[in-house]
Amino acid sequence: MTANHGTAQADFHLYASGKSEAALTFTSGVYDFYCSIPGYKENGMIGTITVD
């Protein structure tokens, strides 16, 4: 589920089918995310998670 592609920040891909669940644990920080389906990121399916 996780991958680091040699960048300064870690990238990961989360795939979940309609009936599955996933849990992620974050350390404090600000994390950007986006949908990886072609065209979705470009159409605004992006966001930020802030963890205190």
C-alpha atoms as a PDB file:
ATOM      1  CA  MET A   1       0.000   0.000   0.000  1.00  0.00           C
ATOM      2  CA  THR A   2       2.860   2.459   0.563  1.00  0.00           C
ATOM      3  CA  ALA A   3       5.660   3.503  -1.732  1.00  0.00           C
ATOM      4  CA  ASN A   4       8.413   6.086  -1.623  1.00  0.00           C
ATOM      5  CA  HIS A   5       9.554   7.014  -5.104  1.00  0.00           C
ATOM      6  CA  GLY A   6      12.812   8.712  -4.118  1.00  0.00           C
ATOM      7  CA  THR A   7      11.305  12.148  -3.562  1.00  0.00           C
ATOM      8  CA  ALA A   8      11.785  14.363  -0.530  1.00  0.00           C
ATOM      9  CA  GLN A   9       8.294  13.462   0.608  1.00  0.00           C
ATOM     10  CA  ALA A  10       6.835   9.986   0.769  1.00  0.00           C
ATOM     11  CA  ASP A  11       4.137   9.116  -1.749  1.00  0.00           C
ATOM     12  CA  PHE A  12       1.633   6.373  -1.221  1.00  0.00           C
ATOM     13  CA  HIS A  13      -1.272   4.943  -3.148  1.00  0.00           C
ATOM     14  CA  LEU A  14      -4.349   3.777  -1.290  1.00  0.00           C
ATOM     15  CA  TYR A  15      -6.760   1.520  -3.124  1.00  0.00           C
ATOM     16  CA  ALA A  16      -9.995   0.519  -1.468  1.00  0.00           C
ATOM     17  CA  SER A  17     -12.919  -1.270  -3.056  1.00  0.00           C
ATOM     18  CA  GLY A  18     -16.475  -0.335  -2.122  1.00  0.00           C
ATOM     19  CA  LYS A  19     -16.644  -2.754   0.798  1.00  0.00           C
ATOM     20  CA  SER A  20     -13.144  -2.487   2.214  1.00  0.00           C
ATOM     21  CA  GLU A  21     -11.700  -0.347   4.987  1.00  0.00           C
ATOM     22  CA  ALA A  22      -8.267   1.110   5.570  1.00  0.00           C
ATOM     23  CA  ALA A  23      -6.701   2.920   8.507  1.00  0.00           C
ATOM     24  CA  LEU A  24      -3.802   5.348   8.234  1.00  0.00           C
ATOM     25  CA  THR A  25      -1.733   6.816  11.044  1.00  0.00           C
ATOM     26  CA  PHE A  26      -0.139  10.222  10.466  1.00  0.00           C
ATOM     27  CA  THR A  27       2.450  12.137  12.451  1.00  0.00           C
ATOM     28  CA  SER A  28       1.951  15.881  12.952  1.00  0.00           C
ATOM     29  CA  GLY A  29       2.195  17.840   9.731  1.00  0.00           C
ATOM     30  CA  VAL A  30       0.379  19.014   6.632  1.00  0.00           C
ATOM     31  CA  TYR A  31      -0.321  16.466   3.908  1.00  0.00           C
ATOM     32  CA  ASP A  32      -1.590  17.094   0.384  1.00  0.00           C
ATOM     33  CA  PHE A  33      -3.618  14.421  -1.372  1.00  0.00           C
ATOM     34  CA  TYR A  34      -5.309  13.896  -4.724  1.00  0.00           C
ATOM     35  CA  CYS A  35      -7.269  11.344  -6.686  1.00  0.00           C
ATOM     36  CA  SER A  36      -5.028   9.361  -9.052  1.00  0.00           C
ATOM     37  CA  ILE A  37      -7.788   8.470 -11.542  1.00  0.00           C
ATOM     38  CA  PRO A  38      -6.794  10.191 -14.815  1.00  0.00           C
ATOM     39  CA  GLY A  39      -8.320  13.665 -15.057  1.00  0.00           C
ATOM     40  CA  TYR A  40      -9.678  13.814 -11.511  1.00  0.00           C
ATOM     41  CA  LYS A  41      -6.729  15.712  -9.995  1.00  0.00           C
ATOM     42  CA  GLU A  42      -6.855  18.206 -12.863  1.00  0.00           C
ATOM     43  CA  ASN A  43     -10.566  18.717 -12.222  1.00  0.00           C
ATOM     44  CA  GLY A  44     -10.003  19.610  -8.582  1.00  0.00           C
ATOM     45  CA  MET A  45     -10.212  16.322  -6.686  1.00  0.00           C
ATOM     46  CA  ILE A  46      -7.415  17.380  -4.312  1.00  0.00           C
ATOM     47  CA  GLY A  47      -7.193  18.331  -0.648  1.00  0.00           C
ATOM     48  CA  THR A  48      -5.054  18.907   2.409  1.00  0.00           C
ATOM     49  CA  ILE A  49      -5.012  17.056   5.724  1.00  0.00           C
ATOM     50  CA  THR A  50      -3.598  18.919   8.734  1.00  0.00           C
ATOM     51  CA  VAL A  51      -2.611  16.798  11.728  1.00  0.00           C
ATOM     52  CA  ASP A  52      -1.856  18.553  15.021  1.00  0.00           C
END
